[in-house]
Amino acid sequence: MSKKNVLIIGGLGFIGSHLAKECINNGYAVTILSRSKSKIANISGFADKVELIIKDLRDISSEVEGFDYIFHLAGSKNNYVIIEDQPFNDIELNCTCTIVLLEAIKKYNPSCSLYFASTIKVNGTPDKLPVNTSSPCNPLSLYGATRLAGEHFCQIYKNVFNLKTTIIRFTNIFGVKEAANPKQAGFNYMIAQAVKGHDINLYSNGDFFRDYLYVTDAARACLAIAEKGFAEQIYYVGRGEFIKFRKMAEIVAQQTGVNIKPVEPPDFHKRVGIKDFVCDNEPLKKLGWLPEVSMEEGIKKTIDYYRSLEGLDIGK
């Protein structure tokens, strides 16, 4: 069997860089498309094993030729742009870029399989747990709404042009190589702050459920979906287990020696933040995937990562 060719759009990013390594380890030929080299450090150790295309996704065309799998992991994931007077940022990055990509695939590589990275934010706060593909989609944020639009774009191009598109909805993914940004990676930010000796500010005493998954397990899930999944299926990539956020904070506090301080969440967070969330990942498990990294181990790996960045800016 010939080696399959994989294009990872956003492959220098958090999940994308781990997926690139997972693909290389499994014998795939990997090309990464990124709009800049700002995150090139994320592929240190295997940069010589990937082809790198530096190009804005809005300008993509024949670059999609020749690939068996295309993972679209690029885009905005910041809930706050709507109150930062930048609402069109989400529209441009999550909607326009997706249409441009679909048009390029339609013209230059209609036989490829496209995997669109979406999010549980498309569901909003569910009225029933666990969430599955029959659960309603009621996004609370512009980010969630634009990701849902991207899903619909993929479905429409599948129906009209017979493109092979699959939706991957990530739950809360954490781990090494993620920037410590409170606006888009709250748990990683909490860990980074704890590493710096700051107490953990815990919204609403952490009395809500979350579905966090370590990033290497997320990367493994993506490849399992590509190798064994079905184009008509929406896959939730998460641990699929109920865990109170307070419990996660306690693990971080125990491993770093800081204290936990309950605080009242800001008003904007109350308006757009999802409360309880756990996914039904049975369709993913049927592909032979199971998480390998426990919450405790994943948190320790992430703590060790931020400690290794001592002296660098890992979040203020």
C-alpha atoms as a PDB file:
ATOM      1  CA  MET A   1       0.000   0.000   0.000  1.00  0.00           C
ATOM      2  CA  SER A   2       1.349   3.404  -0.932  1.00  0.00           C
ATOM      3  CA  LYS A   3       1.927   5.978   1.741  1.00  0.00           C
ATOM      4  CA  LYS A   4      -1.068   8.264   2.197  1.00  0.00           C
ATOM      5  CA  ASN A   5      -0.622  12.008   1.907  1.00  0.00           C
ATOM      6  CA  VAL A   6      -2.053  14.239   4.627  1.00  0.00           C
ATOM      7  CA  LEU A   7      -2.539  18.007   4.617  1.00  0.00           C
ATOM      8  CA  ILE A   8      -3.045  19.598   8.025  1.00  0.00           C
ATOM      9  CA  ILE A   9      -4.318  23.153   7.801  1.00  0.00           C
ATOM     10  CA  GLY A  10      -3.326  24.841  11.034  1.00  0.00           C
ATOM     11  CA  GLY A  11      -0.741  22.140  11.605  1.00  0.00           C
ATOM     12  CA  LEU A  12       1.589  24.378  13.600  1.00  0.00           C
ATOM     13  CA  GLY A  13      -1.156  24.955  16.145  1.00  0.00           C
ATOM     14  CA  PHE A  14      -1.982  23.135  19.346  1.00  0.00           C
ATOM     15  CA  ILE A  15      -3.948  20.116  18.136  1.00  0.00           C
ATOM     16  CA  GLY A  16      -2.544  20.299  14.611  1.00  0.00           C
ATOM     17  CA  SER A  17       1.085  19.871  15.667  1.00  0.00           C
ATOM     18  CA  HIS A  18       0.214  16.801  17.739  1.00  0.00           C
ATOM     19  CA  LEU A  19      -1.795  15.386  14.843  1.00  0.00           C
ATOM     20  CA  ALA A  20       1.170  15.955  12.520  1.00  0.00           C
ATOM     21  CA  LYS A  21       3.413  13.950  14.841  1.00  0.00           C
ATOM     22  CA  GLU A  22       0.802  11.199  15.160  1.00  0.00           C
ATOM     23  CA  CYS A  23       0.511  10.953  11.375  1.00  0.00           C
ATOM     24  CA  ILE A  24       4.294  10.792  10.938  1.00  0.00           C
ATOM     25  CA  ASN A  25       4.549   8.082  13.575  1.00  0.00           C
ATOM     26  CA  ASN A  26       1.984   6.082  11.608  1.00  0.00           C
ATOM     27  CA  GLY A  27       3.822   6.350   8.307  1.00  0.00           C
ATOM     28  CA  TYR A  28       1.936   9.160   6.584  1.00  0.00           C
ATOM     29  CA  ALA A  29       3.495  11.841   4.384  1.00  0.00           C
ATOM     30  CA  VAL A  30       2.563  15.105   6.122  1.00  0.00           C
ATOM     31  CA  THR A  31       2.248  18.619   4.757  1.00  0.00           C
ATOM     32  CA  ILE A  32       1.360  21.533   7.026  1.00  0.00           C
ATOM     33  CA  LEU A  33      -0.274  24.723   5.806  1.00  0.00           C
ATOM     34  CA  SER A  34       0.017  27.723   8.122  1.00  0.00           C
ATOM     35  CA  ARG A  35      -0.380  31.434   7.616  1.00  0.00           C
ATOM     36  CA  SER A  36       2.869  32.135   9.520  1.00  0.00           C
ATOM     37  CA  LYS A  37       5.824  30.467  11.200  1.00  0.00           C
ATOM     38  CA  SER A  38       5.022  31.978  14.587  1.00  0.00           C
ATOM     39  CA  LYS A  39       4.364  28.534  16.110  1.00  0.00           C
ATOM     40  CA  ILE A  40       7.161  26.676  14.338  1.00  0.00           C
ATOM     41  CA  ALA A  41       8.529  25.576  17.733  1.00  0.00           C
ATOM     42  CA  ASN A  42       5.537  23.247  18.043  1.00  0.00           C
ATOM     43  CA  ILE A  43       7.056  20.885  15.473  1.00  0.00           C
ATOM     44  CA  SER A  44      10.610  21.020  16.786  1.00  0.00           C
ATOM     45  CA  GLY A  45      12.027  17.521  16.752  1.00  0.00           C
ATOM     46  CA  PHE A  46      10.236  16.474  13.573  1.00  0.00           C
ATOM     47  CA  ALA A  47      10.208  19.623  11.392  1.00  0.00           C
ATOM     48  CA  ASP A  48      12.480  17.901   8.893  1.00  0.00           C
ATOM     49  CA  LYS A  49       9.822  15.242   8.355  1.00  0.00           C
ATOM     50  CA  VAL A  50       7.049  17.569   7.167  1.00  0.00           C
ATOM     51  CA  GLU A  51       6.537  19.791   4.169  1.00  0.00           C
ATOM     52  CA  LEU A  52       5.589  23.323   5.190  1.00  0.00           C
ATOM     53  CA  ILE A  53       3.459  25.742   3.173  1.00  0.00           C
ATOM     54  CA  ILE A  54       3.224  29.288   4.512  1.00  0.00           C
ATOM     55  CA  LYS A  55       0.096  30.788   3.023  1.00  0.00           C
ATOM     56  CA  ASP A  56      -3.119  32.457   4.119  1.00  0.00           C
ATOM     57  CA  LEU A  57      -5.972  29.992   3.789  1.00  0.00           C
ATOM     58  CA  ARG A  58      -8.019  32.645   2.016  1.00  0.00           C
ATOM     59  CA  ASP A  59      -5.538  32.397  -0.873  1.00  0.00           C
ATOM     60  CA  ILE A  60      -5.448  28.622  -1.158  1.00  0.00           C
ATOM     61  CA  SER A  61      -6.147  26.943  -4.491  1.00  0.00           C
ATOM     62  CA  SER A  62      -4.218  24.095  -6.118  1.00  0.00           C
ATOM     63  CA  GLU A  63      -2.221  23.474  -2.918  1.00  0.00           C
ATOM     64  CA  VAL A  64      -4.914  20.935  -1.967  1.00  0.00           C
ATOM     65  CA  GLU A  65      -4.046  18.641  -4.881  1.00  0.00           C
ATOM     66  CA  GLY A  66      -2.709  15.161  -4.235  1.00  0.00           C
ATOM     67  CA  PHE A  67      -3.825  14.650  -0.636  1.00  0.00           C
ATOM     68  CA  ASP A  68      -5.847  11.714   0.625  1.00  0.00           C
ATOM     69  CA  TYR A  69      -6.814  13.351   3.913  1.00  0.00           C
ATOM     70  CA  ILE A  70      -7.201  17.072   4.608  1.00  0.00           C
ATOM     71  CA  PHE A  71      -7.687  18.201   8.210  1.00  0.00           C
ATOM     72  CA  HIS A  72      -9.038  21.730   8.576  1.00  0.00           C
ATOM     73  CA  LEU A  73      -7.920  22.763  12.066  1.00  0.00           C
ATOM     74  CA  ALA A  74      -7.374  26.473  11.433  1.00  0.00           C
ATOM     75  CA  GLY A  75      -9.625  29.299  12.534  1.00  0.00           C
ATOM     76  CA  SER A  76     -10.612  31.512  15.421  1.00  0.00           C
ATOM     77  CA  LYS A  77     -11.509  29.994  18.793  1.00  0.00           C
ATOM     78  CA  ASN A  78     -11.910  33.137  20.870  1.00  0.00           C
ATOM     79  CA  ASN A  79     -15.342  33.864  22.361  1.00  0.00           C
ATOM     80  CA  TYR A  80     -14.355  37.439  23.156  1.00  0.00           C
ATOM     81  CA  VAL A  81     -14.024  38.955  19.676  1.00  0.00           C
ATOM     82  CA  ILE A  82     -17.656  40.042  19.736  1.00  0.00           C
ATOM     83  CA  ILE A  83     -17.024  42.346  22.716  1.00  0.00           C
ATOM     84  CA  GLU A  84     -13.637  43.440  21.398  1.00  0.00           C
ATOM     85  CA  ASP A  85     -15.260  45.068  18.353  1.00  0.00           C
ATOM     86  CA  GLN A  86     -13.866  42.373  16.061  1.00  0.00           C
ATOM     87  CA  PRO A  87     -16.919  40.230  15.226  1.00  0.00           C
ATOM     88  CA  PHE A  88     -15.938  39.906  11.573  1.00  0.00           C
ATOM     89  CA  ASN A  89     -12.749  38.115  12.626  1.00  0.00           C
ATOM     90  CA  ASP A  90     -14.780  34.978  13.384  1.00  0.00           C
ATOM     91  CA  ILE A  91     -16.766  35.365  10.170  1.00  0.00           C
ATOM     92  CA  GLU A  92     -13.608  35.651   8.098  1.00  0.00           C
ATOM     93  CA  LEU A  93     -11.588  32.886   9.757  1.00  0.00           C
ATOM     94  CA  ASN A  94     -14.340  30.366  10.433  1.00  0.00           C
ATOM     95  CA  CYS A  95     -16.712  30.978   7.519  1.00  0.00           C
ATOM     96  CA  THR A  96     -14.937  32.604   4.573  1.00  0.00           C
ATOM     97  CA  CYS A  97     -11.835  30.427   4.937  1.00  0.00           C
ATOM     98  CA  THR A  98     -13.952  27.279   5.022  1.00  0.00           C
ATOM     99  CA  ILE A  99     -15.791  28.227   1.836  1.00  0.00           C
ATOM    100  CA  VAL A 100     -12.489  29.028   0.103  1.00  0.00           C
ATOM    101  CA  LEU A 101     -11.132  25.627   1.130  1.00  0.00           C
ATOM    102  CA  LEU A 102     -14.241  23.782  -0.036  1.00  0.00           C
ATOM    103  CA  GLU A 103     -14.112  25.557  -3.378  1.00  0.00           C
ATOM    104  CA  ALA A 104     -10.446  24.617  -3.791  1.00  0.00           C
ATOM    105  CA  ILE A 105     -11.163  20.974  -2.956  1.00  0.00           C
ATOM    106  CA  LYS A 106     -14.127  20.924  -5.354  1.00  0.00           C
ATOM    107  CA  LYS A 107     -11.905  22.154  -8.179  1.00  0.00           C
ATOM    108  CA  TYR A 108      -8.556  20.500  -7.498  1.00  0.00           C
ATOM    109  CA  ASN A 109      -9.117  17.430  -5.299  1.00  0.00           C
ATOM    110  CA  PRO A 110     -12.778  16.320  -5.128  1.00  0.00           C
ATOM    111  CA  SER A 111     -11.861  12.734  -4.224  1.00  0.00           C
ATOM    112  CA  CYS A 112     -10.074  13.623  -0.960  1.00  0.00           C
ATOM    113  CA  SER A 113     -11.565  13.242   2.514  1.00  0.00           C
ATOM    114  CA  LEU A 114     -11.984  16.505   4.440  1.00  0.00           C
ATOM    115  CA  TYR A 115     -12.154  16.548   8.241  1.00  0.00           C
ATOM    116  CA  PHE A 116     -13.579  19.755   9.647  1.00  0.00           C
ATOM    117  CA  ALA A 117     -12.634  20.631  13.221  1.00  0.00           C
ATOM    118  CA  SER A 118     -15.639  21.962  15.072  1.00  0.00           C
ATOM    119  CA  THR A 119     -16.482  22.382  18.739  1.00  0.00           C
ATOM    120  CA  ILE A 120     -19.015  21.609  21.444  1.00  0.00           C
ATOM    121  CA  LYS A 121     -19.719  25.348  21.455  1.00  0.00           C
ATOM    122  CA  VAL A 122     -22.142  24.653  18.596  1.00  0.00           C
ATOM    123  CA  ASN A 123     -24.421  22.942  21.119  1.00  0.00           C
ATOM    124  CA  GLY A 124     -24.497  25.695  23.713  1.00  0.00           C
ATOM    125  CA  THR A 125     -25.712  24.622  27.151  1.00  0.00           C
ATOM    126  CA  PRO A 126     -27.450  21.262  26.673  1.00  0.00           C
ATOM    127  CA  ASP A 127     -30.657  20.336  28.464  1.00  0.00           C
ATOM    128  CA  LYS A 128     -29.716  16.669  28.587  1.00  0.00           C
ATOM    129  CA  LEU A 129     -26.424  14.835  29.115  1.00  0.00           C
ATOM    130  CA  PRO A 130     -24.495  13.247  27.584  1.00  0.00           C
ATOM    131  CA  VAL A 131     -24.672  15.217  24.350  1.00  0.00           C
ATOM    132  CA  ASN A 132     -24.871  13.241  21.122  1.00  0.00           C
ATOM    133  CA  THR A 133     -25.473  13.900  17.449  1.00  0.00           C
ATOM    134  CA  SER A 134     -29.223  14.192  18.057  1.00  0.00           C
ATOM    135  CA  SER A 135     -28.766  16.969  20.631  1.00  0.00           C
ATOM    136  CA  PRO A 136     -29.932  20.430  19.515  1.00  0.00           C
ATOM    137  CA  CYS A 137     -27.438  23.083  18.450  1.00  0.00           C
ATOM    138  CA  ASN A 138     -28.019  26.417  20.173  1.00  0.00           C
ATOM    139  CA  PRO A 139     -24.673  28.244  20.189  1.00  0.00           C
ATOM    140  CA  LEU A 140     -24.316  30.998  22.776  1.00  0.00           C
ATOM    141  CA  SER A 141     -21.345  32.740  21.169  1.00  0.00           C
ATOM    142  CA  LEU A 142     -20.413  34.082  17.756  1.00  0.00           C
ATOM    143  CA  TYR A 143     -17.545  31.602  17.752  1.00  0.00           C
ATOM    144  CA  GLY A 144     -19.944  28.686  18.209  1.00  0.00           C
ATOM    145  CA  ALA A 145     -22.315  30.071  15.577  1.00  0.00           C
ATOM    146  CA  THR A 146     -19.565  30.442  12.969  1.00  0.00           C
ATOM    147  CA  ARG A 147     -18.286  26.940  13.645  1.00  0.00           C
ATOM    148  CA  LEU A 148     -21.808  25.617  13.186  1.00  0.00           C
ATOM    149  CA  ALA A 149     -22.018  27.543   9.917  1.00  0.00           C
ATOM    150  CA  GLY A 150     -18.780  25.862   8.827  1.00  0.00           C
ATOM    151  CA  GLU A 151     -20.326  22.482   9.583  1.00  0.00           C
ATOM    152  CA  HIS A 152     -23.312  23.357   7.408  1.00  0.00           C
ATOM    153  CA  PHE A 153     -21.031  24.516   4.589  1.00  0.00           C
ATOM    154  CA  CYS A 154     -19.333  21.105   4.643  1.00  0.00           C
ATOM    155  CA  GLN A 155     -22.660  19.297   4.625  1.00  0.00           C
ATOM    156  CA  ILE A 156     -23.919  21.393   1.717  1.00  0.00           C
ATOM    157  CA  TYR A 157     -20.808  20.734  -0.387  1.00  0.00           C
ATOM    158  CA  LYS A 158     -21.152  17.054   0.447  1.00  0.00           C
ATOM    159  CA  ASN A 159     -24.772  17.040  -0.747  1.00  0.00           C
ATOM    160  CA  VAL A 160     -24.332  19.227  -3.824  1.00  0.00           C
ATOM    161  CA  PHE A 161     -20.867  18.218  -5.050  1.00  0.00           C
ATOM    162  CA  ASN A 162     -20.411  14.771  -3.451  1.00  0.00           C
ATOM    163  CA  LEU A 163     -17.399  15.880  -1.452  1.00  0.00           C
ATOM    164  CA  LYS A 164     -16.393  13.577   1.383  1.00  0.00           C
ATOM    165  CA  THR A 165     -16.621  15.727   4.505  1.00  0.00           C
ATOM    166  CA  THR A 166     -16.659  14.623   8.141  1.00  0.00           C
ATOM    167  CA  ILE A 167     -17.342  16.787  11.209  1.00  0.00           C
ATOM    168  CA  ILE A 168     -15.194  16.435  14.321  1.00  0.00           C
ATOM    169  CA  ARG A 169     -16.514  18.223  17.401  1.00  0.00           C
ATOM    170  CA  PHE A 170     -13.806  18.638  20.009  1.00  0.00           C
ATOM    171  CA  THR A 171     -14.768  18.929  23.649  1.00  0.00           C
ATOM    172  CA  ASN A 172     -12.267  20.698  25.945  1.00  0.00           C
ATOM    173  CA  ILE A 173      -8.771  19.703  24.811  1.00  0.00           C
ATOM    174  CA  PHE A 174      -5.776  20.517  27.014  1.00  0.00           C
ATOM    175  CA  GLY A 175      -2.085  19.715  27.203  1.00  0.00           C
ATOM    176  CA  VAL A 176       1.390  20.703  26.119  1.00  0.00           C
ATOM    177  CA  LYS A 177       2.051  23.238  23.335  1.00  0.00           C
ATOM    178  CA  GLU A 178      -1.145  25.182  24.045  1.00  0.00           C
ATOM    179  CA  ALA A 179      -0.750  28.903  24.640  1.00  0.00           C
ATOM    180  CA  ALA A 180      -1.845  29.982  28.112  1.00  0.00           C
ATOM    181  CA  ASN A 181      -4.640  32.275  26.978  1.00  0.00           C
ATOM    182  CA  PRO A 182      -7.593  32.777  29.358  1.00  0.00           C
ATOM    183  CA  LYS A 183      -9.872  33.703  26.453  1.00  0.00           C
ATOM    184  CA  GLN A 184      -9.522  30.424  24.592  1.00  0.00           C
ATOM    185  CA  ALA A 185      -7.685  27.923  26.780  1.00  0.00           C
ATOM    186  CA  GLY A 186      -8.922  28.500  30.297  1.00  0.00           C
ATOM    187  CA  PHE A 187      -7.733  25.256  31.861  1.00  0.00           C
ATOM    188  CA  ASN A 188      -4.263  25.539  30.345  1.00  0.00           C
ATOM    189  CA  TYR A 189      -4.137  29.128  31.581  1.00  0.00           C
ATOM    190  CA  MET A 190      -5.092  27.958  35.073  1.00  0.00           C
ATOM    191  CA  ILE A 191      -2.274  25.403  35.030  1.00  0.00           C
ATOM    192  CA  ALA A 192       0.261  27.949  33.774  1.00  0.00           C
ATOM    193  CA  GLN A 193      -0.753  30.419  36.476  1.00  0.00           C
ATOM    194  CA  ALA A 194      -0.450  27.748  39.147  1.00  0.00           C
ATOM    195  CA  VAL A 195       3.045  26.899  37.880  1.00  0.00           C
ATOM    196  CA  LYS A 196       3.927  30.578  38.396  1.00  0.00           C
ATOM    197  CA  GLY A 197       2.687  30.302  41.992  1.00  0.00           C
ATOM    198  CA  HIS A 198      -0.646  32.097  41.593  1.00  0.00           C
ATOM    199  CA  ASP A 199      -3.744  30.833  43.366  1.00  0.00           C
ATOM    200  CA  ILE A 200      -6.428  29.245  41.216  1.00  0.00           C
ATOM    201  CA  ASN A 201      -9.434  31.487  40.614  1.00  0.00           C
ATOM    202  CA  LEU A 202     -12.331  29.066  40.347  1.00  0.00           C
ATOM    203  CA  TYR A 203     -15.582  30.260  38.803  1.00  0.00           C
ATOM    204  CA  SER A 204     -18.744  29.296  40.712  1.00  0.00           C
ATOM    205  CA  ASN A 205     -16.698  27.001  42.969  1.00  0.00           C
ATOM    206  CA  GLY A 206     -16.157  24.718  39.969  1.00  0.00           C
ATOM    207  CA  ASP A 207     -19.535  23.107  40.554  1.00  0.00           C
ATOM    208  CA  PHE A 208     -20.115  22.113  36.926  1.00  0.00           C
ATOM    209  CA  PHE A 209     -19.212  19.178  34.716  1.00  0.00           C
ATOM    210  CA  ARG A 210     -16.657  19.284  31.936  1.00  0.00           C
ATOM    211  CA  ASP A 211     -15.333  16.813  29.371  1.00  0.00           C
ATOM    212  CA  TYR A 212     -11.593  17.409  29.131  1.00  0.00           C
ATOM    213  CA  LEU A 213      -9.289  15.261  27.007  1.00  0.00           C
ATOM    214  CA  TYR A 214      -5.511  15.296  26.729  1.00  0.00           C
ATOM    215  CA  VAL A 215      -4.281  16.504  23.358  1.00  0.00           C
ATOM    216  CA  THR A 216      -2.430  13.359  22.232  1.00  0.00           C
ATOM    217  CA  ASP A 217      -5.632  11.377  22.706  1.00  0.00           C
ATOM    218  CA  ALA A 218      -7.427  13.974  20.569  1.00  0.00           C
ATOM    219  CA  ALA A 219      -4.796  13.569  17.838  1.00  0.00           C
ATOM    220  CA  ARG A 220      -5.170   9.790  17.960  1.00  0.00           C
ATOM    221  CA  ALA A 221      -8.927  10.209  17.655  1.00  0.00           C
ATOM    222  CA  CYS A 222      -8.559  12.334  14.502  1.00  0.00           C
ATOM    223  CA  LEU A 223      -6.472   9.673  12.822  1.00  0.00           C
ATOM    224  CA  ALA A 224      -8.855   6.904  13.907  1.00  0.00           C
ATOM    225  CA  ILE A 225     -11.742   8.851  12.334  1.00  0.00           C
ATOM    226  CA  ALA A 226      -9.774   9.288   9.104  1.00  0.00           C
ATOM    227  CA  GLU A 227      -8.787   5.623   8.893  1.00  0.00           C
ATOM    228  CA  LYS A 228     -11.993   3.957  10.073  1.00  0.00           C
ATOM    229  CA  GLY A 229     -14.752   6.581  10.336  1.00  0.00           C
ATOM    230  CA  PHE A 230     -17.794   7.363   8.223  1.00  0.00           C
ATOM    231  CA  ALA A 231     -18.325  10.597   6.311  1.00  0.00           C
ATOM    232  CA  GLU A 232     -21.985  10.821   7.351  1.00  0.00           C
ATOM    233  CA  GLN A 233     -21.127  10.636  11.065  1.00  0.00           C
ATOM    234  CA  ILE A 234     -20.460  13.584  13.373  1.00  0.00           C
ATOM    235  CA  TYR A 235     -17.846  12.560  15.920  1.00  0.00           C
ATOM    236  CA  TYR A 236     -17.507  14.011  19.392  1.00  0.00           C
ATOM    237  CA  VAL A 237     -13.879  13.832  20.502  1.00  0.00           C
ATOM    238  CA  GLY A 238     -13.859  13.846  24.281  1.00  0.00           C
ATOM    239  CA  ARG A 239     -13.315  11.550  27.236  1.00  0.00           C
ATOM    240  CA  GLY A 240     -17.058  11.020  27.635  1.00  0.00           C
ATOM    241  CA  GLU A 241     -16.832  10.972  31.435  1.00  0.00           C
ATOM    242  CA  PHE A 242     -18.468  13.189  34.070  1.00  0.00           C
ATOM    243  CA  ILE A 243     -15.896  15.141  36.085  1.00  0.00           C
ATOM    244  CA  LYS A 244     -16.514  18.269  38.130  1.00  0.00           C
ATOM    245  CA  PHE A 245     -14.243  21.148  37.156  1.00  0.00           C
ATOM    246  CA  ARG A 246     -13.540  21.619  40.864  1.00  0.00           C
ATOM    247  CA  LYS A 247     -11.956  18.142  40.917  1.00  0.00           C
ATOM    248  CA  MET A 248      -9.669  19.113  38.057  1.00  0.00           C
ATOM    249  CA  ALA A 249      -8.656  22.296  39.871  1.00  0.00           C
ATOM    250  CA  GLU A 250      -7.902  20.258  42.994  1.00  0.00           C
ATOM    251  CA  ILE A 251      -5.560  18.017  40.998  1.00  0.00           C
ATOM    252  CA  VAL A 252      -3.716  21.096  39.708  1.00  0.00           C
ATOM    253  CA  ALA A 253      -3.531  22.610  43.195  1.00  0.00           C
ATOM    254  CA  GLN A 254      -2.229  19.364  44.675  1.00  0.00           C
ATOM    255  CA  GLN A 255       0.500  19.044  42.037  1.00  0.00           C
ATOM    256  CA  THR A 256       1.608  22.699  42.236  1.00  0.00           C
ATOM    257  CA  GLY A 257       1.025  23.547  45.903  1.00  0.00           C
ATOM    258  CA  VAL A 258      -1.211  26.580  45.322  1.00  0.00           C
ATOM    259  CA  ASN A 259      -4.587  27.389  46.841  1.00  0.00           C
ATOM    260  CA  ILE A 260      -8.041  27.494  45.271  1.00  0.00           C
ATOM    261  CA  LYS A 261     -10.048  30.716  45.514  1.00  0.00           C
ATOM    262  CA  PRO A 262     -13.711  30.672  44.420  1.00  0.00           C
ATOM    263  CA  VAL A 263     -14.611  33.812  42.448  1.00  0.00           C
ATOM    264  CA  GLU A 264     -17.680  35.131  40.684  1.00  0.00           C
ATOM    265  CA  PRO A 265     -17.399  34.780  36.878  1.00  0.00           C
ATOM    266  CA  PRO A 266     -17.630  37.979  34.796  1.00  0.00           C
ATOM    267  CA  ASP A 267     -20.977  38.836  33.248  1.00  0.00           C
ATOM    268  CA  PHE A 268     -19.844  38.038  29.695  1.00  0.00           C
ATOM    269  CA  HIS A 269     -18.746  34.552  30.763  1.00  0.00           C
ATOM    270  CA  LYS A 270     -22.182  33.976  32.283  1.00  0.00           C
ATOM    271  CA  ARG A 271     -23.778  34.897  28.949  1.00  0.00           C
ATOM    272  CA  VAL A 272     -21.656  32.733  26.635  1.00  0.00           C
ATOM    273  CA  GLY A 273     -20.150  30.079  28.907  1.00  0.00           C
ATOM    274  CA  ILE A 274     -21.494  26.547  28.670  1.00  0.00           C
ATOM    275  CA  LYS A 275     -22.491  25.114  32.029  1.00  0.00           C
ATOM    276  CA  ASP A 276     -22.469  21.307  32.293  1.00  0.00           C
ATOM    277  CA  PHE A 277     -21.138  19.333  29.333  1.00  0.00           C
ATOM    278  CA  VAL A 278     -20.290  15.690  28.690  1.00  0.00           C
ATOM    279  CA  CYS A 279     -20.330  14.034  25.280  1.00  0.00           C
ATOM    280  CA  ASP A 280     -21.404  10.636  24.080  1.00  0.00           C
ATOM    281  CA  ASN A 281     -18.290   9.354  22.315  1.00  0.00           C
ATOM    282  CA  GLU A 282     -19.606   5.865  21.575  1.00  0.00           C
ATOM    283  CA  PRO A 283     -19.281   6.314  17.761  1.00  0.00           C
ATOM    284  CA  LEU A 284     -15.599   7.116  18.302  1.00  0.00           C
ATOM    285  CA  LYS A 285     -15.065   4.147  20.615  1.00  0.00           C
ATOM    286  CA  LYS A 286     -16.593   1.876  17.981  1.00  0.00           C
ATOM    287  CA  LEU A 287     -13.578   2.735  15.804  1.00  0.00           C
ATOM    288  CA  GLY A 288     -11.316   1.124  18.409  1.00  0.00           C
ATOM    289  CA  TRP A 289     -10.275   4.378  20.091  1.00  0.00           C
ATOM    290  CA  LEU A 290     -10.009   4.806  23.848  1.00  0.00           C
ATOM    291  CA  PRO A 291      -8.268   7.569  25.831  1.00  0.00           C
ATOM    292  CA  GLU A 292      -4.823   6.569  27.020  1.00  0.00           C
ATOM    293  CA  VAL A 293      -3.802   9.549  29.183  1.00  0.00           C
ATOM    294  CA  SER A 294      -5.553   9.992  32.534  1.00  0.00           C
ATOM    295  CA  MET A 295      -6.511  13.434  33.806  1.00  0.00           C
ATOM    296  CA  GLU A 296      -3.828  13.229  36.503  1.00  0.00           C
ATOM    297  CA  GLU A 297      -1.132  12.255  34.009  1.00  0.00           C
ATOM    298  CA  GLY A 298      -2.239  14.865  31.479  1.00  0.00           C
ATOM    299  CA  ILE A 299      -2.166  17.601  34.110  1.00  0.00           C
ATOM    300  CA  LYS A 300       1.303  16.524  35.237  1.00  0.00           C
ATOM    301  CA  LYS A 301       2.587  16.582  31.655  1.00  0.00           C
ATOM    302  CA  THR A 302       1.156  20.073  31.183  1.00  0.00           C
ATOM    303  CA  ILE A 303       2.636  21.323  34.462  1.00  0.00           C
ATOM    304  CA  ASP A 304       6.052  19.941  33.469  1.00  0.00           C
ATOM    305  CA  TYR A 305       5.724  21.654  30.085  1.00  0.00           C
ATOM    306  CA  TYR A 306       5.053  25.091  31.578  1.00  0.00           C
ATOM    307  CA  ARG A 307       7.845  24.582  34.091  1.00  0.00           C
ATOM    308  CA  SER A 308      10.178  23.920  31.167  1.00  0.00           C
ATOM    309  CA  LEU A 309       9.242  27.365  29.827  1.00  0.00           C
ATOM    310  CA  GLU A 310      10.492  29.120  32.952  1.00  0.00           C
ATOM    311  CA  GLY A 311      11.556  32.632  32.078  1.00  0.00           C
ATOM    312  CA  LEU A 312       9.215  32.810  29.088  1.00  0.00           C
ATOM    313  CA  ASP A 313       5.854  34.566  28.970  1.00  0.00           C
ATOM    314  CA  ILE A 314       3.346  31.786  29.606  1.00  0.00           C
ATOM    315  CA  GLY A 315       0.395  33.991  30.373  1.00  0.00           C
ATOM    316  CA  LYS A 316      -0.211  37.006  32.540  1.00  0.00           C
END
